[in-house]
Each structure stands twice: as structure tokens, then as C-alpha cells.
Amino acid sequence: MNFYNKISALALLSLTAFASCSDDKLAEINIDPNRPGNVPTPTLILSAEKQIMDNVRNLDFSLNGTMLFAQYYSQNIYTDQSRYDIPKNTSDRYWADGFKALNNLNEIIKLNTNPATKAIAAAGAVAGTNANQIAICRVLKVFTFHSLSDAFGDIPYQSFAGADPSFEALQQNPDNYTPKYATQEKIYTDMLNELKQAADTLWKYPTANTFGVSDVIYKGNNENWARFANSLRLRLATRIRGKLPTLSQQHFAEALAQGVFTSNTHTAAFKYSISAPNEAPLYKGTVTANRQDFAVSHILINSLKGELGPFNTLDPRLPIYARPNKNNEFIGQPYGLPLEVAGVNKPADISLPGILVNAADFSEVLQEYAEVAFLISEYQNWSDSEYKKGVVASLTRWGIAQPAAQTYANNLPAATKERVLTQKYFALYTQGLEAWSEIRRTGFPSFLVKPNDIVWTRVLPTGTVNYVFKPVFGDGIPKRIYYPLKEQSVNKTNYQQALTAQGDDVITTPLWWNK
């Protein structure tokens, strides 16, 4: 979808500095924002990776959206989004910036396939071969399209190998300003094939290095990229098991056999910087902008205390996920309060996000080993051993010592569907989109706030008052978000056809994999 700007000269300059390139190197790059083919592919991959993570964790989509939908956070001043009164323009930036990142990834692929530029694209000590650059970009494109589709449903889509006539996104020469929307079923089927082919390529060259330090996620480690491709395949295959069980089984088994994450060293994460302007999105929102209108929800705090849900022991991640209040207590903000009492609890009265979570140089996760272990547990009919591996992996990733993590896991009750999916929910903290998607897919955790639930019992001199959760729109956790307003005017015909196929553009319309 080329009508979104690809990359600005200013962004490239700051990102190249982020990659620790010298001033002399910067001076050699002839940057034309309208012709990113002039930009070296390692610079483009750095830009694309940061765009992807900035976008999935941007404050409108994550802090005001998915982290609330998953009930990890709760608003303590304005509670509109907590009660699902979502502004219609909330998704505009998420959609536009997602396609900007996709355009940059696609540009790398084009530079590595065009006979006139492929030799230059692979030149130098860090770029890597044409085939490996393309494979890594295919993995990141799947992650990005997957993130967009899980928010909206049917979207414009583009494939490296797929030739479906409905795949019209990112088209250039001439630019296509009105691409068709592909169905989510076609998108998922093609994404699984894209990951399979990318993994096959990367596993041929496991010791090769591609993009070097410009690849913030893996520093160019091909084997880790291959494992990420297959681990993401596990996620996607699980998501569609209820709709396409044979295809799901095939891809899950193949990916597992070829090689997936087996430890935290394989986790795909983008580490931000302590220096402006490259700090983590949450830090920019809560520290730089000095916002204190989001706290950790009473749902997460109470379940980690062992007071809510299937576990009755204190979870060692609690003091990492949240900060104690002024009285050195962990008190969650009641989720979805009526507006008239939303600000009763001041920031010092409740638990704000933890110091590590809120760090400038926080590592934002695309996918982690703990999730893979939980996926395998589910695949193996709720395997207890994989369940315990997932718990230990999550705790150690957050800094809990291995012996303590293992002891905690060993003392947990045996694996069941509810227990595995609840521990998965704990592990996915900060990954709001994936947690929200899993809640929609599975219905767990079962203790999340539902309409008419009492969320706060307040004792006043005049008596006790119970506050009940009343969504402004919908009948529970949103099933999707609205399409961008721009699509409704610029691409109206295809937008309307998508609604005919999928359902109304409202938050209660379920996605294909969730119907």
C-alpha cells in the first residue's frame, strides 16, 4: 500500500546513529526519502524493525488498547477505553505505520531480487546473501501482516511467493491506492507457507550472518531467525486449529521437527536505547510525557497474589510487573470503573508498571520461548513438562534465579487447560496484542472482568458501595478494532466488500479464526 510514506530522511539519520554507525559512514549515504533504493539494506532493516515494534507497542494501540483489552492495565483517570468506548481514529496510525514498515521490508526484497541491484544489495561485510536477506524480511512481513490481521481481520495483503489475485497490497509501478482486502483465511494460509519457505532457506545457512548489528533483534544470527520463523508458525498454526485442523497439524508438526525456540536465548526481542529518541514506547508515554493515568489492574495484581484464578500462591513476578504503592503494598486499580469514581485512587495509592517494564532500554518481545513451550503443551494435550518449562522460562526471562523459578514451577498444580493458559497469560505481560488474541481464541483466563461483575467494593462513611463493570459498547472484550477512517474514503469499494464478507465494522464482529 504505497500511498503511505516509506521512510523520512530524518528517521534514517537517527536510526543509523542508533546502529552506532560513524559520522563518515553517514556522510556517504545519499538518502532520498522518495527512492529508498538508494539506502543500504542494513539501514532499511534497522528502520523496519524499529517501525514494527514502535507500532505494535504504540500508546494508542497498546496502552490505550490491547493492554486494556487484556486487562493487564486499568485507567485511573479516564475509563472510556477500559469500558470499550474506542475512538474511531485509534487505528489510523497503527494501520499506516504497519504498512510503512512493510514497504521498507518489501524494498529490501526488491533490491535483492532486481538484477540491476541484487549484487549491490549483497555487497559488503554485513549485508549477507540475497537469499538470506529475503528470508528474514519474509519472516518480519509475516509478523507484521499477522499483527494487522489479528486486529482488523481481512486486510490488504501481499506475498513473496503467493499469487492469489486478491493479494494487492504494496503494489508499485504503478502505485495501487485501492488494493483489495484478502480474507483472513487466505492470509493465514499464505503466511504459514511464507514462514515455511523462509525457515527452509535460513536453515540451509545456520551459521551465516545477515545484516550484522543493524539487525537489533538477532544481530544477524541466521539460526535464531530460522527458529523464530518456525516458532511463529506454531503460533499461527495454533490460532487456526479450530478452522483448518489438518493444515494446522501439518505446519505445527513440520515446524517443531525442523527447529523452534528451545531456550530464552532464542527469544525474538527488540532492545531499545537509554538515549533519546530511541527509548521504549512505554517509557516515552509514562516518563517522558509524565503520564500516570494507567496502573496495573486489580485483575493482574490479585491473580499474581494468588487471590484470584487457579493458583493460590504468590507469583515471584509480581514485584517485577508492578511497583508497590506509597504504603509498600501491591494494590491494583479496579478495572473499568464508572467515570465518576475513576480518579478516586491517586497514582501513589495504587501499583504502577514495574521499573523494569518501564525502562527506557526495555526489550520489547516479538515472541519468546515461554510462549513456544505453552504452545507445545497445548499441542501435546496439555503436557505438564512443557507447561513447567514455560513457567520457568518466563520467570528466568524476568530475572528470577533458575533454582527459585524451578522450585516455583515444581510446586504448581499439574497442567490443565485452564492452568496452562493462565500461566501463558502471565507470561505474555507487555505483549498486549498476543494476549488479547489468545483471550479471544480460548476464553481464558476465565477470571477476567465481564459485564455486570463487581469490580470494586468501596467503604464510605455512609455505607458500602459496589461498582459494577458496564461497557459503553459491546458485550465484553472487543473482538476487533475499527478500520481506519482513511480506508472508508480512499478505498471505499474494497472496504465495503470486506464488510460484506466479514461483518460490520464494529468491535463485536469476530474475526474469521474466532467465529
Protein backbone atom coordinates (compact mmCIF):
# COMPACT_ATOMS: atom_id res chain seq x y z
CA MET A 1 0.00 0.00 0.00
CA ASN A 2 2.38 2.60 -1.33
CA PHE A 3 0.45 5.79 -0.60
CA TYR A 4 1.91 5.72 2.91
CA ASN A 5 5.34 7.36 3.07
CA LYS A 6 8.17 4.89 3.18
CA ILE A 7 10.82 6.49 5.36
CA SER A 8 11.94 10.00 6.10
CA ALA A 9 15.47 11.27 5.87
CA LEU A 10 15.32 12.40 9.48
CA ALA A 11 14.25 8.97 10.66
CA LEU A 12 17.05 7.31 8.74
CA LEU A 13 19.64 9.65 10.24
CA SER A 14 18.53 8.98 13.80
CA LEU A 15 18.20 5.24 13.23
CA THR A 16 21.62 4.99 11.63
CA ALA A 17 23.04 6.69 14.70
CA PHE A 18 21.11 4.15 16.78
CA ALA A 19 23.07 1.44 14.95
CA SER A 20 26.33 3.13 16.02
CA CYS A 21 27.49 3.99 12.51
CA SER A 22 30.24 6.60 12.24
CA ASP A 23 29.72 10.16 11.03
CA ASP A 24 31.84 9.33 7.98
CA LYS A 25 29.56 6.43 7.12
CA LEU A 26 26.51 8.67 7.47
CA ALA A 27 28.03 11.18 5.10
CA GLU A 28 28.45 8.51 2.45
CA ILE A 29 24.74 7.63 2.35
CA ASN A 30 22.76 9.50 -0.27
CA ILE A 31 19.31 9.48 1.30
CA ASP A 32 16.33 10.20 -0.87
CA PRO A 33 13.06 9.61 1.03
CA ASN A 34 11.23 9.04 -2.25
CA ARG A 35 13.74 6.49 -3.51
CA PRO A 36 14.74 4.26 -0.61
CA GLY A 37 16.58 2.02 -3.06
CA ASN A 38 19.49 4.41 -2.53
CA VAL A 39 19.66 3.34 1.09
CA PRO A 40 21.77 0.28 2.09
CA THR A 41 19.66 -2.71 3.10
CA PRO A 42 21.13 -2.92 6.66
CA THR A 43 19.87 0.62 7.26
CA LEU A 44 16.45 -0.32 5.92
CA ILE A 45 16.21 -3.41 8.13
CA LEU A 46 17.07 -1.35 11.21
CA SER A 47 14.38 1.14 10.31
CA ALA A 48 11.80 -1.57 9.60
CA GLU A 49 12.44 -3.44 12.87
CA LYS A 50 12.06 -0.28 14.92
CA GLN A 51 8.94 0.74 12.99
CA ILE A 52 7.39 -2.66 13.65
CA MET A 53 8.00 -2.57 17.40
CA ASP A 54 7.15 1.11 17.79
CA ASN A 55 3.88 0.39 16.04
CA VAL A 56 2.78 -2.76 17.89
CA ARG A 57 3.59 -1.03 21.20
CA ASN A 58 2.48 2.50 20.28
CA LEU A 59 0.47 4.16 23.02
CA ASP A 60 -2.78 4.47 21.09
CA PHE A 61 -2.82 0.81 20.10
CA SER A 62 -1.12 -0.81 23.09
CA LEU A 63 -1.51 1.34 26.21
CA ASN A 64 -4.97 2.63 25.27
CA GLY A 65 -5.94 -0.57 23.50
CA THR A 66 -4.61 -4.09 23.76
CA MET A 67 -3.12 -3.80 27.26
CA LEU A 68 -6.56 -2.69 28.43
CA PHE A 69 -8.39 -5.34 26.42
CA ALA A 70 -6.18 -7.99 28.05
CA GLN A 71 -6.87 -6.31 31.43
CA TYR A 72 -3.20 -6.06 32.31
CA TYR A 73 -3.65 -2.32 32.85
CA SER A 74 -6.54 -0.20 34.04
CA GLN A 75 -7.19 3.52 33.63
CA ASN A 76 -7.27 5.56 36.82
CA ILE A 77 -8.46 8.92 35.45
CA TYR A 78 -10.46 8.40 32.28
CA THR A 79 -12.01 4.97 31.86
CA ASP A 80 -13.51 5.28 28.38
CA GLN A 81 -11.24 2.77 26.64
CA SER A 82 -11.39 0.40 29.63
CA ARG A 83 -15.14 0.32 29.01
CA TYR A 84 -14.61 -0.14 25.26
CA ASP A 85 -15.51 3.36 24.10
CA ILE A 86 -12.78 3.27 21.45
CA PRO A 87 -12.27 6.37 19.27
CA LYS A 88 -12.84 5.60 15.60
CA ASN A 89 -9.44 7.10 14.68
CA THR A 90 -7.49 4.96 17.18
CA SER A 91 -6.41 2.56 14.44
CA ASP A 92 -5.30 5.14 11.86
CA ARG A 93 -1.69 5.29 12.99
CA TYR A 94 -1.45 1.56 13.65
CA TRP A 95 -2.57 0.76 10.10
CA ALA A 96 -0.45 3.45 8.41
CA ASP A 97 2.77 2.72 10.32
CA GLY A 98 2.35 -1.03 9.84
CA PHE A 99 2.28 -0.54 6.08
CA LYS A 100 5.26 1.83 6.26
CA ALA A 101 7.29 -0.96 7.84
CA LEU A 102 6.02 -3.43 5.25
CA ASN A 103 7.07 -1.08 2.45
CA ASN A 104 10.61 -0.95 3.83
CA LEU A 105 10.78 -4.73 4.13
CA ASN A 106 9.45 -5.07 0.61
CA GLU A 107 12.04 -2.60 -0.63
CA ILE A 108 14.81 -4.84 0.73
CA ILE A 109 13.29 -7.81 -1.08
CA LYS A 110 13.08 -5.84 -4.33
CA LEU A 111 16.71 -4.71 -4.04
CA ASN A 112 17.73 -8.35 -3.54
CA THR A 113 15.70 -9.66 -6.49
CA ASN A 114 16.21 -6.94 -9.10
CA PRO A 115 19.10 -7.97 -11.42
CA ALA A 116 20.23 -4.35 -11.51
CA THR A 117 20.61 -4.03 -7.72
CA LYS A 118 20.97 -7.51 -6.20
CA ALA A 119 24.78 -7.56 -6.36
CA ILE A 120 24.97 -4.17 -4.64
CA ALA A 121 22.42 -5.22 -2.03
CA ALA A 122 24.55 -8.21 -1.02
CA ALA A 123 27.87 -6.33 -1.18
CA GLY A 124 29.90 -5.54 1.90
CA ALA A 125 30.76 -7.43 5.03
CA VAL A 126 27.46 -7.24 6.90
CA ALA A 127 24.54 -7.34 4.47
CA GLY A 128 24.52 -11.08 3.75
CA THR A 129 23.37 -13.01 0.73
CA ASN A 130 20.34 -12.10 -1.32
CA ALA A 131 18.52 -15.27 -0.27
CA ASN A 132 19.08 -14.75 3.45
CA GLN A 133 18.07 -11.08 3.37
CA ILE A 134 14.87 -12.00 1.58
CA ALA A 135 14.10 -14.83 4.02
CA ILE A 136 14.46 -12.59 7.09
CA CYS A 137 12.26 -9.94 5.50
CA ARG A 138 9.62 -12.56 4.76
CA VAL A 139 9.56 -13.52 8.44
CA LEU A 140 9.16 -9.91 9.55
CA LYS A 141 6.50 -9.29 6.92
CA VAL A 142 4.50 -12.23 8.26
CA PHE A 143 4.83 -10.91 11.82
CA THR A 144 3.58 -7.50 10.68
CA PHE A 145 0.71 -8.74 8.50
CA HIS A 146 -0.26 -11.15 11.28
CA SER A 147 -0.31 -8.27 13.79
CA LEU A 148 -2.52 -6.20 11.49
CA SER A 149 -4.87 -9.03 10.60
CA ASP A 150 -5.36 -10.06 14.24
CA ALA A 151 -6.52 -6.52 14.98
CA PHE A 152 -8.76 -5.91 11.95
CA GLY A 153 -9.47 -9.26 10.23
CA ASP A 154 -9.45 -9.01 6.42
CA ILE A 155 -6.82 -6.55 5.19
CA PRO A 156 -4.83 -5.74 2.03
CA TYR A 157 -2.10 -8.38 1.87
CA GLN A 158 1.00 -9.13 -0.18
CA SER A 159 3.02 -12.32 -0.51
CA PHE A 160 6.51 -13.07 -1.81
CA ALA A 161 5.51 -16.43 -3.30
CA GLY A 162 1.72 -16.47 -3.21
CA ALA A 163 -0.01 -15.49 -6.45
CA ASP A 164 -3.60 -15.02 -5.33
CA PRO A 165 -5.27 -12.17 -7.28
CA SER A 166 -6.61 -10.69 -4.05
CA PHE A 167 -3.06 -10.05 -2.77
CA GLU A 168 -2.73 -6.44 -3.93
CA ALA A 169 -1.01 -4.60 -1.06
CA LEU A 170 2.34 -2.82 -1.55
CA GLN A 171 1.93 -2.66 -5.32
CA GLN A 172 4.04 -0.10 -7.19
CA ASN A 173 4.76 0.91 -10.77
CA PRO A 174 2.01 1.97 -10.88
CA ASP A 175 1.07 2.58 -7.30
CA ASN A 176 -2.13 0.88 -6.19
CA TYR A 177 -4.03 3.24 -3.92
CA THR A 178 -7.09 0.98 -3.68
CA PRO A 179 -5.91 -2.57 -3.02
CA LYS A 180 -8.35 -5.40 -2.44
CA TYR A 181 -8.78 -6.89 1.01
CA ALA A 182 -7.74 -10.53 1.27
CA THR A 183 -9.72 -12.82 3.53
CA GLN A 184 -8.11 -13.79 6.80
CA GLU A 185 -8.30 -17.45 5.80
CA LYS A 186 -6.20 -16.79 2.70
CA ILE A 187 -3.82 -14.57 4.67
CA TYR A 188 -3.18 -17.19 7.35
CA THR A 189 -2.75 -19.98 4.83
CA ASP A 190 -0.21 -17.94 2.89
CA MET A 191 1.63 -16.68 5.98
CA LEU A 192 2.25 -20.26 7.08
CA ASN A 193 3.72 -21.06 3.68
CA GLU A 194 5.85 -17.91 3.77
CA LEU A 195 7.28 -18.93 7.14
CA LYS A 196 7.92 -22.47 5.96
CA GLN A 197 9.85 -21.32 2.90
CA ALA A 198 11.79 -18.69 4.85
CA ALA A 199 12.76 -21.24 7.51
CA ASP A 200 13.85 -23.73 4.84
CA THR A 201 16.20 -21.12 3.38
CA LEU A 202 17.62 -19.96 6.71
CA TRP A 203 18.24 -23.50 7.94
CA LYS A 204 20.47 -24.06 4.90
CA TYR A 205 22.82 -21.38 6.23
CA PRO A 206 22.51 -21.56 10.04
CA THR A 207 25.98 -20.14 10.73
CA ALA A 208 25.70 -17.23 8.29
CA ASN A 209 25.28 -13.67 9.49
CA THR A 210 22.80 -11.38 7.76
CA PHE A 211 22.54 -7.61 8.32
CA GLY A 212 25.06 -7.68 11.20
CA VAL A 213 24.47 -5.26 14.08
CA SER A 214 21.86 -3.39 12.04
CA ASP A 215 19.61 -6.33 12.95
CA VAL A 216 18.72 -5.30 16.51
CA ILE A 217 16.65 -8.43 17.11
CA TYR A 218 19.26 -11.12 16.49
CA LYS A 219 22.45 -9.32 15.43
CA GLY A 220 22.27 -11.22 12.13
CA ASN A 221 22.18 -14.75 13.59
CA ASN A 222 20.59 -16.90 10.88
CA GLU A 223 19.82 -19.87 13.11
CA ASN A 224 17.85 -17.70 15.51
CA TRP A 225 15.89 -16.27 12.58
CA ALA A 226 15.12 -19.81 11.38
CA ARG A 227 13.90 -20.77 14.85
CA PHE A 228 11.79 -17.61 15.01
CA ALA A 229 10.18 -18.43 11.65
CA ASN A 230 9.20 -21.88 12.89
CA SER A 231 8.11 -20.67 16.34
CA LEU A 232 5.86 -18.09 14.73
CA ARG A 233 4.50 -20.93 12.62
CA LEU A 234 3.49 -22.71 15.83
CA ARG A 235 1.57 -19.62 16.94
CA LEU A 236 -0.25 -19.20 13.64
CA ALA A 237 -0.98 -22.91 13.28
CA THR A 238 -2.48 -22.97 16.78
CA ARG A 239 -4.58 -19.90 16.06
CA ILE A 240 -6.35 -21.61 13.15
CA ARG A 241 -6.64 -25.11 14.62
CA GLY A 242 -10.36 -24.73 15.09
CA LYS A 243 -10.88 -23.62 11.47
CA LEU A 244 -8.29 -25.61 9.47
CA PRO A 245 -7.22 -28.51 11.70
CA THR A 246 -5.42 -30.52 9.01
CA LEU A 247 -3.36 -27.56 7.83
CA SER A 248 -2.66 -26.58 11.42
CA GLN A 249 -1.42 -30.05 12.32
CA GLN A 250 0.80 -30.22 9.25
CA HIS A 251 2.55 -26.92 9.88
CA PHE A 252 2.89 -27.43 13.62
CA ALA A 253 4.49 -30.85 13.23
CA GLU A 254 6.85 -29.72 10.46
CA ALA A 255 7.99 -26.61 12.29
CA LEU A 256 8.52 -28.48 15.55
CA ALA A 257 10.59 -31.15 13.80
CA GLN A 258 12.76 -28.63 11.95
CA GLY A 259 13.60 -26.50 14.97
CA VAL A 260 11.91 -23.90 17.18
CA PHE A 261 12.87 -21.92 20.28
CA THR A 262 14.30 -24.17 22.99
CA SER A 263 15.62 -21.56 25.45
CA ASN A 264 15.40 -17.88 26.28
CA THR A 265 18.49 -17.24 24.16
CA HIS A 266 16.28 -17.73 21.11
CA THR A 267 13.62 -15.19 22.13
CA ALA A 268 12.94 -12.54 19.47
CA ALA A 269 13.12 -9.11 21.09
CA PHE A 270 13.94 -5.56 20.09
CA LYS A 271 16.03 -3.77 22.74
CA TYR A 272 15.56 -0.03 22.89
CA SER A 273 18.12 2.58 23.91
CA ILE A 274 18.53 4.72 27.01
CA SER A 275 19.13 7.70 24.72
CA ALA A 276 16.55 9.91 23.01
CA PRO A 277 14.81 9.50 20.64
CA ASN A 278 15.12 5.71 20.75
CA GLU A 279 13.65 4.89 24.15
CA ALA A 280 10.94 2.26 24.58
CA PRO A 281 7.34 3.34 23.82
CA LEU A 282 6.02 2.86 27.38
CA TYR A 283 8.90 4.90 28.81
CA LYS A 284 8.12 7.73 26.40
CA GLY A 285 4.50 7.69 27.44
CA THR A 286 4.84 7.40 31.21
CA VAL A 287 8.22 9.00 31.96
CA THR A 288 8.93 11.44 29.14
CA ALA A 289 5.29 12.53 28.89
CA ASN A 290 4.81 12.09 32.67
CA ARG A 291 1.57 10.18 32.33
CA GLN A 292 0.31 8.37 35.41
CA ASP A 293 -3.20 7.60 34.24
CA PHE A 294 -2.56 3.89 33.72
CA ALA A 295 -1.93 1.44 36.54
CA VAL A 296 -1.64 -2.32 36.79
CA SER A 297 -5.15 -3.75 37.02
CA HIS A 298 -6.62 -5.40 40.07
CA ILE A 299 -7.12 -8.48 37.89
CA LEU A 300 -3.41 -9.00 37.29
CA ILE A 301 -2.31 -7.95 40.77
CA ASN A 302 -4.81 -10.18 42.57
CA SER A 303 -4.15 -13.21 40.36
CA LEU A 304 -0.38 -12.87 40.89
CA LYS A 305 -1.03 -12.67 44.63
CA GLY A 306 -2.84 -16.00 44.41
CA GLU A 307 -6.17 -14.42 45.40
CA LEU A 308 -7.84 -14.86 42.01
CA GLY A 309 -7.76 -17.67 39.48
CA PRO A 310 -6.43 -21.24 39.62
CA PHE A 311 -3.24 -20.51 41.62
CA ASN A 312 -3.18 -19.77 45.33
CA THR A 313 0.50 -18.91 45.86
CA LEU A 314 2.38 -15.63 45.44
CA ASP A 315 3.92 -15.31 42.00
CA PRO A 316 7.55 -14.06 42.08
CA ARG A 317 6.90 -11.88 39.01
CA LEU A 318 4.58 -9.57 40.97
CA PRO A 319 7.28 -7.09 42.17
CA ILE A 320 8.71 -7.02 38.64
CA TYR A 321 5.47 -6.48 36.80
CA ALA A 322 4.28 -3.80 39.22
CA ARG A 323 5.56 -1.28 41.76
CA PRO A 324 4.28 -1.13 45.33
CA ASN A 325 2.19 1.89 46.32
CA LYS A 326 3.10 4.52 48.93
CA ASN A 327 2.35 2.01 51.70
CA ASN A 328 4.62 -0.61 50.11
CA GLU A 329 1.61 -2.69 49.10
CA PHE A 330 0.65 -4.07 45.72
CA ILE A 331 -2.79 -2.67 45.00
CA GLY A 332 -4.30 -2.95 41.54
CA GLN A 333 -6.51 -0.27 40.03
CA PRO A 334 -10.07 -1.66 39.72
CA TYR A 335 -10.71 -2.34 36.05
CA GLY A 336 -13.35 -0.36 34.18
CA LEU A 337 -14.75 1.83 36.92
CA PRO A 338 -17.54 4.29 36.17
CA LEU A 339 -16.13 7.64 35.13
CA GLU A 340 -17.34 9.45 38.25
CA VAL A 341 -15.03 7.42 40.53
CA ALA A 342 -12.20 6.72 38.12
CA GLY A 343 -9.83 9.21 39.76
CA VAL A 344 -10.54 8.38 43.39
CA ASN A 345 -7.37 6.28 43.61
CA LYS A 346 -4.35 8.53 43.09
CA PRO A 347 -1.15 7.21 41.45
CA ALA A 348 0.53 6.86 44.85
CA ASP A 349 -2.37 4.73 46.13
CA ILE A 350 -2.08 2.00 43.51
CA SER A 351 0.57 -0.02 41.68
CA LEU A 352 2.05 1.45 38.52
CA PRO A 353 4.01 -0.61 35.95
CA GLY A 354 7.25 -2.03 37.33
CA ILE A 355 10.61 -0.30 36.99
CA LEU A 356 11.99 -2.93 34.60
CA VAL A 357 8.85 -2.86 32.46
CA ASN A 358 9.07 0.92 32.30
CA ALA A 359 12.78 1.16 31.48
CA ALA A 360 13.99 3.31 28.61
CA ASP A 361 16.03 0.41 27.21
CA PHE A 362 13.33 -2.22 27.69
CA SER A 363 13.41 -5.19 25.32
CA GLU A 364 10.04 -5.48 23.60
CA VAL A 365 9.26 -9.08 22.67
CA LEU A 366 8.02 -10.29 19.29
CA GLN A 367 7.89 -13.89 20.53
CA GLU A 368 9.50 -15.68 23.46
CA TYR A 369 10.46 -19.22 24.36
CA ALA A 370 7.88 -19.41 27.18
CA GLU A 371 5.07 -18.94 24.66
CA VAL A 372 6.51 -21.72 22.50
CA ALA A 373 6.61 -24.10 25.47
CA PHE A 374 2.95 -23.35 26.24
CA LEU A 375 2.02 -23.87 22.58
CA ILE A 376 3.72 -27.26 22.63
CA SER A 377 1.98 -28.13 25.89
CA GLU A 378 -1.39 -27.42 24.26
CA TYR A 379 -0.40 -29.37 21.14
CA GLN A 380 0.53 -32.34 23.33
CA ASN A 381 -2.85 -32.30 25.10
CA TRP A 382 -1.67 -30.06 27.95
CA SER A 383 1.72 -31.62 28.58
CA ASP A 384 2.86 -30.99 32.15
CA SER A 385 6.57 -31.00 31.31
CA GLU A 386 6.22 -28.32 28.62
CA TYR A 387 3.94 -26.33 30.93
CA LYS A 388 6.61 -26.29 33.63
CA LYS A 389 9.28 -25.38 31.06
CA GLY A 390 7.17 -22.42 30.00
CA VAL A 391 6.77 -21.19 33.57
CA VAL A 392 10.49 -21.48 34.29
CA ALA A 393 11.34 -19.75 31.02
CA SER A 394 9.06 -16.82 31.83
CA LEU A 395 10.36 -16.39 35.36
CA THR A 396 14.02 -16.54 34.37
CA ARG A 397 13.49 -14.13 31.48
CA TRP A 398 12.19 -11.62 34.01
CA GLY A 399 15.25 -12.11 36.21
CA ILE A 400 14.14 -14.77 38.70
CA ALA A 401 17.05 -17.08 39.53
CA GLN A 402 16.85 -20.51 37.93
CA PRO A 403 16.63 -22.52 41.21
CA ALA A 404 13.83 -20.32 42.55
CA ALA A 405 11.99 -20.44 39.23
CA GLN A 406 12.24 -24.21 39.09
CA THR A 407 11.04 -24.57 42.67
CA TYR A 408 8.04 -22.35 41.96
CA ALA A 409 7.17 -24.34 38.83
CA ASN A 410 7.58 -27.70 40.60
CA ASN A 411 5.13 -26.62 43.29
CA LEU A 412 2.40 -25.62 40.84
CA PRO A 413 -0.60 -27.91 40.43
CA ALA A 414 -0.47 -30.21 37.42
CA ALA A 415 -1.19 -28.92 33.94
CA THR A 416 -4.77 -28.45 32.77
CA LYS A 417 -6.13 -26.27 30.01
CA GLU A 418 -7.03 -23.52 32.48
CA ARG A 419 -3.69 -23.61 34.28
CA VAL A 420 -1.55 -23.64 31.13
CA LEU A 421 -3.48 -20.80 29.52
CA THR A 422 -3.44 -18.76 32.74
CA GLN A 423 0.33 -19.13 33.04
CA LYS A 424 0.59 -18.20 29.37
CA TYR A 425 -1.42 -15.06 30.15
CA PHE A 426 1.05 -14.18 32.92
CA ALA A 427 3.99 -14.77 30.60
CA LEU A 428 2.59 -12.56 27.82
CA TYR A 429 2.56 -9.47 30.05
CA THR A 430 3.56 -6.38 27.98
CA GLN A 431 2.60 -8.26 24.77
CA GLY A 432 -0.92 -6.89 24.71
CA LEU A 433 -1.87 -7.88 21.16
CA GLU A 434 -0.92 -11.53 21.57
CA ALA A 435 -2.57 -11.76 24.99
CA TRP A 436 -5.76 -10.20 23.63
CA SER A 437 -5.71 -12.61 20.67
CA GLU A 438 -5.32 -15.61 22.96
CA ILE A 439 -8.15 -14.41 25.19
CA ARG A 440 -10.38 -14.17 22.11
CA ARG A 441 -9.29 -17.60 20.88
CA THR A 442 -9.53 -19.55 24.13
CA GLY A 443 -11.78 -17.64 26.52
CA PHE A 444 -9.06 -17.82 29.20
CA PRO A 445 -8.25 -16.58 31.76
CA SER A 446 -11.77 -17.16 32.99
CA PHE A 447 -11.42 -14.62 35.81
CA LEU A 448 -11.23 -11.53 33.59
CA VAL A 449 -13.85 -8.84 34.22
CA LYS A 450 -17.18 -9.38 32.46
CA PRO A 451 -20.21 -7.10 32.15
CA ASN A 452 -22.09 -6.67 35.44
CA ASP A 453 -19.19 -8.00 37.52
CA ILE A 454 -18.46 -6.07 40.71
CA VAL A 455 -15.01 -4.57 40.22
CA TRP A 456 -14.69 -2.54 43.40
CA THR A 457 -16.32 -2.55 46.80
CA ARG A 458 -15.76 0.81 48.46
CA VAL A 459 -16.45 1.51 52.11
CA LEU A 460 -17.74 5.03 52.76
CA PRO A 461 -18.99 6.72 55.96
CA THR A 462 -22.47 6.43 54.51
CA GLY A 463 -22.13 2.72 53.78
CA THR A 464 -20.67 0.25 51.31
CA VAL A 465 -20.88 0.86 47.56
CA ASN A 466 -20.38 -1.79 44.89
CA TYR A 467 -19.21 -0.59 41.47
CA VAL A 468 -20.20 -2.75 38.53
CA PHE A 469 -18.48 -3.04 35.14
CA LYS A 470 -20.68 -1.58 32.40
CA PRO A 471 -19.16 -1.47 28.89
CA VAL A 472 -20.08 1.60 26.85
CA PHE A 473 -20.08 -0.51 23.67
CA GLY A 474 -20.27 -4.22 23.08
CA ASP A 475 -20.97 -7.08 25.43
CA GLY A 476 -17.46 -7.86 26.57
CA ILE A 477 -13.83 -7.75 25.43
CA PRO A 478 -13.67 -6.33 21.89
CA LYS A 479 -13.41 -8.88 19.09
CA ARG A 480 -11.53 -6.46 16.78
CA ILE A 481 -10.87 -2.75 16.23
CA TYR A 482 -12.31 -0.38 13.66
CA TYR A 483 -10.80 0.01 10.22
CA PRO A 484 -9.03 3.37 9.71
CA LEU A 485 -11.21 6.28 8.70
CA LYS A 486 -8.99 6.88 5.68
CA GLU A 487 -9.85 3.47 4.25
CA GLN A 488 -13.53 4.34 4.33
CA SER A 489 -12.94 7.24 1.95
CA VAL A 490 -9.84 6.41 -0.12
CA ASN A 491 -10.57 2.70 -0.58
CA LYS A 492 -14.33 2.70 -0.07
CA THR A 493 -15.32 -0.02 -2.56
CA ASN A 494 -12.89 -2.61 -1.20
CA TYR A 495 -13.62 -1.55 2.37
CA GLN A 496 -17.32 -2.17 1.84
CA GLN A 497 -16.65 -5.52 0.16
CA ALA A 498 -14.61 -6.53 3.22
CA LEU A 499 -17.55 -5.71 5.46
CA THR A 500 -19.87 -7.77 3.27
CA ALA A 501 -17.54 -10.75 3.63
CA GLN A 502 -16.51 -10.32 7.26
CA GLY A 503 -19.26 -8.42 9.03
CA ASP A 504 -19.94 -4.89 10.20
CA ASP A 505 -17.08 -2.58 11.11
CA VAL A 506 -17.80 -2.78 14.84
CA ILE A 507 -15.90 -4.16 17.81
CA THR A 508 -18.35 -7.03 18.29
CA THR A 509 -17.67 -8.64 14.88
CA PRO A 510 -15.47 -11.72 15.43
CA LEU A 511 -12.52 -12.46 13.18
CA TRP A 512 -12.56 -15.50 10.90
CA TRP A 513 -10.41 -17.63 13.19
CA ASN A 514 -12.64 -16.71 16.14
CA LYS A 515 -16.04 -17.49 14.60
